[in-house]
Amino acid sequence: MDEFFISISRIVDSYVQHFANDDVESWRREHLGDGYPTTVSPGDMIHDLLVTQFLDLTLAAVECDECGRLWFQEKPNTNRYHAYVPEVDAEKRTKKLGDFKSQDER
């Protein structure tokens, strides 16, 4: 998370410096490349960079609706995950809006 937030502050600081120097165009080329549209608003440009940084620096975690396993991504931008199995038997638990209850609790 630290890397992600550090990258956010660097992106924003860099934009503010380029804006102050009336040189947003070079900032856009530097951070987004020559093929990036020139008509995009500053907020949308920063949004696109933040999404990219988020995906590059964070791991996904997903839950199987059927068995309750948690799958954690090995590395950013990969489709490889490690599974963790819940301690409660899958047949004795139900999922309702993220809340797990055993059959005895229903």
C-alpha atoms as a PDB file:
ATOM      1  CA  MET A   1       0.000   0.000   0.000  1.00  0.00           C
ATOM      2  CA  ASP A   2       2.849   2.376   0.745  1.00  0.00           C
ATOM      3  CA  GLU A   3       4.133   2.108  -2.823  1.00  0.00           C
ATOM      4  CA  PHE A   4       0.662   2.852  -4.155  1.00  0.00           C
ATOM      5  CA  PHE A   5       0.180   5.973  -2.042  1.00  0.00           C
ATOM      6  CA  ILE A   6       3.719   7.177  -2.730  1.00  0.00           C
ATOM      7  CA  SER A   7       3.057   6.792  -6.459  1.00  0.00           C
ATOM      8  CA  ILE A   8      -0.161   8.809  -6.122  1.00  0.00           C
ATOM      9  CA  SER A   9       1.626  11.692  -4.428  1.00  0.00           C
ATOM     10  CA  ARG A  10       4.381  11.647  -7.076  1.00  0.00           C
ATOM     11  CA  ILE A  11       1.831  11.722  -9.909  1.00  0.00           C
ATOM     12  CA  VAL A  12      -0.096  14.618  -8.360  1.00  0.00           C
ATOM     13  CA  ASP A  13       3.071  16.542  -7.418  1.00  0.00           C
ATOM     14  CA  SER A  14       4.404  16.137 -10.926  1.00  0.00           C
ATOM     15  CA  TYR A  15       1.122  17.351 -12.424  1.00  0.00           C
ATOM     16  CA  VAL A  16       1.005  20.396 -10.135  1.00  0.00           C
ATOM     17  CA  GLN A  17       4.596  21.326 -11.061  1.00  0.00           C
ATOM     18  CA  HIS A  18       3.893  20.987 -14.781  1.00  0.00           C
ATOM     19  CA  PHE A  19       0.638  22.921 -14.407  1.00  0.00           C
ATOM     20  CA  ALA A  20       2.446  25.740 -12.593  1.00  0.00           C
ATOM     21  CA  ASN A  21       4.933  25.888 -15.481  1.00  0.00           C
ATOM     22  CA  ASP A  22       2.104  25.858 -18.048  1.00  0.00           C
ATOM     23  CA  ASP A  23       3.479  22.575 -19.406  1.00  0.00           C
ATOM     24  CA  VAL A  24       0.706  20.003 -18.868  1.00  0.00           C
ATOM     25  CA  GLU A  25       1.256  18.675 -22.394  1.00  0.00           C
ATOM     26  CA  SER A  26       4.743  17.357 -21.586  1.00  0.00           C
ATOM     27  CA  TRP A  27       3.374  15.828 -18.362  1.00  0.00           C
ATOM     28  CA  ARG A  28       0.688  14.033 -20.388  1.00  0.00           C
ATOM     29  CA  ARG A  29       3.255  12.688 -22.861  1.00  0.00           C
ATOM     30  CA  GLU A  30       5.647  11.665 -20.072  1.00  0.00           C
ATOM     31  CA  HIS A  31       3.048   9.796 -18.025  1.00  0.00           C
ATOM     32  CA  LEU A  32       0.527   8.651 -20.619  1.00  0.00           C
ATOM     33  CA  GLY A  33       2.406   8.504 -23.906  1.00  0.00           C
ATOM     34  CA  ASP A  34       1.994  10.174 -27.282  1.00  0.00           C
ATOM     35  CA  GLY A  35      -1.051   8.076 -28.215  1.00  0.00           C
ATOM     36  CA  TYR A  36      -3.133   9.271 -25.274  1.00  0.00           C
ATOM     37  CA  PRO A  37      -5.954  11.651 -26.339  1.00  0.00           C
ATOM     38  CA  THR A  38      -5.191  15.337 -25.879  1.00  0.00           C
ATOM     39  CA  THR A  39      -8.815  16.243 -25.137  1.00  0.00           C
ATOM     40  CA  VAL A  40      -9.053  14.330 -21.840  1.00  0.00           C
ATOM     41  CA  SER A  41      -9.554  16.451 -18.711  1.00  0.00           C
ATOM     42  CA  PRO A  42      -6.806  16.619 -16.063  1.00  0.00           C
ATOM     43  CA  GLY A  43      -9.025  14.744 -13.610  1.00  0.00           C
ATOM     44  CA  ASP A  44      -9.570  11.921 -16.081  1.00  0.00           C
ATOM     45  CA  MET A  45      -5.849  11.749 -16.889  1.00  0.00           C
ATOM     46  CA  ILE A  46      -4.974  11.441 -13.208  1.00  0.00           C
ATOM     47  CA  HIS A  47      -7.767   8.898 -12.780  1.00  0.00           C
ATOM     48  CA  ASP A  48      -6.320   6.752 -15.571  1.00  0.00           C
ATOM     49  CA  LEU A  49      -2.856   6.902 -14.014  1.00  0.00           C
ATOM     50  CA  LEU A  50      -4.176   6.029 -10.557  1.00  0.00           C
ATOM     51  CA  VAL A  51      -6.093   3.035 -11.885  1.00  0.00           C
ATOM     52  CA  THR A  52      -2.950   1.839 -13.654  1.00  0.00           C
ATOM     53  CA  GLN A  53      -0.889   2.281 -10.487  1.00  0.00           C
ATOM     54  CA  PHE A  54      -3.536   0.511  -8.430  1.00  0.00           C
ATOM     55  CA  LEU A  55      -3.550  -2.490 -10.762  1.00  0.00           C
ATOM     56  CA  ASP A  56       0.250  -2.554 -10.962  1.00  0.00           C
ATOM     57  CA  LEU A  57       0.804  -2.360  -7.204  1.00  0.00           C
ATOM     58  CA  THR A  58      -2.064  -4.244  -5.554  1.00  0.00           C
ATOM     59  CA  LEU A  59      -3.195  -7.850  -5.408  1.00  0.00           C
ATOM     60  CA  ALA A  60      -6.714  -9.085  -6.036  1.00  0.00           C
ATOM     61  CA  ALA A  61      -8.615 -11.251  -3.577  1.00  0.00           C
ATOM     62  CA  VAL A  62     -11.745 -13.118  -4.649  1.00  0.00           C
ATOM     63  CA  GLU A  63     -14.083 -15.557  -2.971  1.00  0.00           C
ATOM     64  CA  CYS A  64     -15.689 -18.585  -4.568  1.00  0.00           C
ATOM     65  CA  ASP A  65     -19.472 -18.348  -4.120  1.00  0.00           C
ATOM     66  CA  GLU A  66     -19.786 -22.128  -4.080  1.00  0.00           C
ATOM     67  CA  CYS A  67     -17.051 -23.345  -1.727  1.00  0.00           C
ATOM     68  CA  GLY A  68     -16.043 -20.189   0.132  1.00  0.00           C
ATOM     69  CA  ARG A  69     -12.374 -20.469  -0.763  1.00  0.00           C
ATOM     70  CA  LEU A  70     -10.469 -17.206  -0.798  1.00  0.00           C
ATOM     71  CA  TRP A  71      -8.161 -16.774  -3.765  1.00  0.00           C
ATOM     72  CA  PHE A  72      -5.282 -14.318  -3.472  1.00  0.00           C
ATOM     73  CA  GLN A  73      -3.392 -13.148  -6.521  1.00  0.00           C
ATOM     74  CA  GLU A  74       0.302 -14.125  -6.532  1.00  0.00           C
ATOM     75  CA  LYS A  75       1.595 -11.010  -8.324  1.00  0.00           C
ATOM     76  CA  PRO A  76      -0.081  -7.927  -9.799  1.00  0.00           C
ATOM     77  CA  ASN A  77      -1.236  -8.263 -13.403  1.00  0.00           C
ATOM     78  CA  THR A  78      -1.176 -12.063 -13.354  1.00  0.00           C
ATOM     79  CA  ASN A  79      -3.876 -14.703 -13.441  1.00  0.00           C
ATOM     80  CA  ARG A  80      -2.235 -16.919 -10.808  1.00  0.00           C
ATOM     81  CA  TYR A  81      -3.846 -17.255  -7.385  1.00  0.00           C
ATOM     82  CA  HIS A  82      -3.327 -19.125  -4.084  1.00  0.00           C
ATOM     83  CA  ALA A  83      -6.382 -20.663  -2.434  1.00  0.00           C
ATOM     84  CA  TYR A  84      -7.310 -20.632   1.237  1.00  0.00           C
ATOM     85  CA  VAL A  85     -10.064 -22.965   2.417  1.00  0.00           C
ATOM     86  CA  PRO A  86     -12.572 -21.842   5.078  1.00  0.00           C
ATOM     87  CA  GLU A  87     -12.533 -23.655   8.395  1.00  0.00           C
ATOM     88  CA  VAL A  88     -16.304 -24.200   8.391  1.00  0.00           C
ATOM     89  CA  ASP A  89     -17.580 -27.097   6.260  1.00  0.00           C
ATOM     90  CA  ALA A  90     -19.009 -25.708   3.027  1.00  0.00           C
ATOM     91  CA  GLU A  91     -22.216 -27.751   3.414  1.00  0.00           C
ATOM     92  CA  LYS A  92     -22.911 -26.176   6.812  1.00  0.00           C
ATOM     93  CA  ARG A  93     -22.522 -22.586   5.768  1.00  0.00           C
ATOM     94  CA  THR A  94     -24.489 -20.234   3.590  1.00  0.00           C
ATOM     95  CA  LYS A  95     -23.487 -16.914   2.184  1.00  0.00           C
ATOM     96  CA  LYS A  96     -25.821 -13.962   2.439  1.00  0.00           C
ATOM     97  CA  LEU A  97     -24.407 -10.560   1.486  1.00  0.00           C
ATOM     98  CA  GLY A  98     -20.954 -11.523   2.718  1.00  0.00           C
ATOM     99  CA  ASP A  99     -22.223 -12.912   6.044  1.00  0.00           C
ATOM    100  CA  PHE A 100     -21.574 -16.601   6.630  1.00  0.00           C
ATOM    101  CA  LYS A 101     -23.876 -18.562   8.903  1.00  0.00           C
ATOM    102  CA  SER A 102     -23.971 -22.235   9.654  1.00  0.00           C
ATOM    103  CA  GLN A 103     -27.228 -24.152   9.200  1.00  0.00           C
ATOM    104  CA  ASP A 104     -27.598 -24.233  12.977  1.00  0.00           C
ATOM    105  CA  GLU A 105     -27.555 -20.415  13.141  1.00  0.00           C
ATOM    106  CA  ARG A 106     -30.312 -19.909  10.524  1.00  0.00           C
END
